[in-house]
Amino acid sequence: MRDRRKKKQNQAERMAWGEAKERFSIMLTPTAAQKIDERAKALGLSRSELLEQAARGVVSISDTEMNQEDKENLGKPSAN
């Protein structure tokens, strides 16, 4: 039962932007990979979602401080 819920959650995450995610392979230094993982963890995001949001201009990978409200609003459509 738990596996089924996790699978549905993963499917929902892959469709979160209205399009299916595809697998891509990139090469990074170990330091860069570590920094990406640290930033993702600090924001409560997966590595994939951090890169997705950075590419879309929702979040900056180099942001060092964000308030709790900003963290809660990550990935939500803006009111523009």
Protein backbone atom coordinates (compact mmCIF):
# COMPACT_ATOMS: atom_id res chain seq x y z
CA MET A 1 0.00 0.00 0.00
CA ARG A 2 2.79 2.40 0.91
CA ASP A 3 4.63 1.67 -2.35
CA ARG A 4 1.49 2.46 -4.33
CA ARG A 5 1.08 5.83 -2.58
CA LYS A 6 4.73 6.69 -3.14
CA LYS A 7 4.44 5.74 -6.82
CA LYS A 8 1.39 8.01 -7.25
CA GLN A 9 3.20 10.81 -5.43
CA ASN A 10 6.22 10.43 -7.73
CA GLN A 11 3.93 10.47 -10.79
CA ALA A 12 2.27 13.65 -9.52
CA GLU A 13 5.67 15.27 -8.97
CA ARG A 14 6.74 14.39 -12.52
CA MET A 15 3.62 16.14 -13.86
CA ALA A 16 3.70 19.13 -11.48
CA TRP A 17 4.53 21.61 -14.24
CA GLY A 18 1.87 20.39 -16.66
CA GLU A 19 4.25 18.31 -18.69
CA ALA A 20 5.95 14.99 -18.18
CA LYS A 21 9.52 15.07 -16.95
CA GLU A 22 12.15 13.29 -19.00
CA ARG A 23 15.37 11.72 -17.82
CA PHE A 24 18.53 13.67 -18.67
CA SER A 25 22.10 13.01 -17.73
CA ILE A 26 24.50 15.79 -16.76
CA MET A 27 28.09 15.74 -15.60
CA LEU A 28 29.08 17.71 -12.50
CA THR A 29 32.04 17.88 -10.20
CA PRO A 30 31.47 16.23 -6.84
CA THR A 31 31.55 19.70 -5.25
CA ALA A 32 28.79 21.01 -7.52
CA ALA A 33 26.63 17.93 -6.88
CA GLN A 34 27.11 18.36 -3.13
CA LYS A 35 26.14 22.05 -3.30
CA ILE A 36 23.00 21.22 -5.30
CA ASP A 37 22.05 18.54 -2.78
CA GLU A 38 22.64 20.90 0.15
CA ARG A 39 20.54 23.66 -1.44
CA ALA A 40 17.73 21.25 -2.30
CA LYS A 41 17.69 19.87 1.25
CA ALA A 42 17.63 23.38 2.74
CA LEU A 43 14.56 24.20 0.65
CA GLY A 44 12.85 20.86 1.18
CA LEU A 45 13.05 19.99 -2.52
CA SER A 46 14.34 17.06 -4.48
CA ARG A 47 17.46 17.62 -6.57
CA SER A 48 15.32 17.39 -9.69
CA GLU A 49 12.76 19.92 -8.46
CA LEU A 50 15.48 22.38 -7.39
CA LEU A 51 16.96 22.32 -10.89
CA GLU A 52 13.47 22.58 -12.44
CA GLN A 53 12.60 25.63 -10.36
CA ALA A 54 16.00 27.25 -10.97
CA ALA A 55 15.60 26.79 -14.74
CA ARG A 56 12.14 28.37 -14.58
CA GLY A 57 13.41 31.32 -12.52
CA VAL A 58 11.32 30.40 -9.48
CA VAL A 59 14.30 29.96 -7.19
CA SER A 60 17.98 30.79 -7.43
CA ILE A 61 20.48 28.11 -6.64
CA SER A 62 22.75 30.76 -5.12
CA ASP A 63 20.18 32.22 -2.70
CA THR A 64 21.65 31.92 0.77
CA GLU A 65 18.71 33.05 2.85
CA MET A 66 14.98 32.82 2.33
CA ASN A 67 12.24 33.49 4.82
CA GLN A 68 9.72 30.79 5.67
CA GLU A 69 6.97 32.40 3.56
CA ASP A 70 9.23 32.35 0.48
CA LYS A 71 10.03 28.68 1.12
CA GLU A 72 6.33 27.84 1.43
CA ASN A 73 5.54 29.63 -1.84
CA LEU A 74 8.20 27.89 -3.92
CA GLY A 75 6.68 26.29 -6.97
CA LYS A 76 3.30 27.95 -6.53
CA PRO A 77 2.03 30.06 -9.43
CA SER A 78 2.60 33.76 -8.90
CA ALA A 79 -0.35 36.12 -8.53
CA ASN A 80 0.70 38.15 -11.62
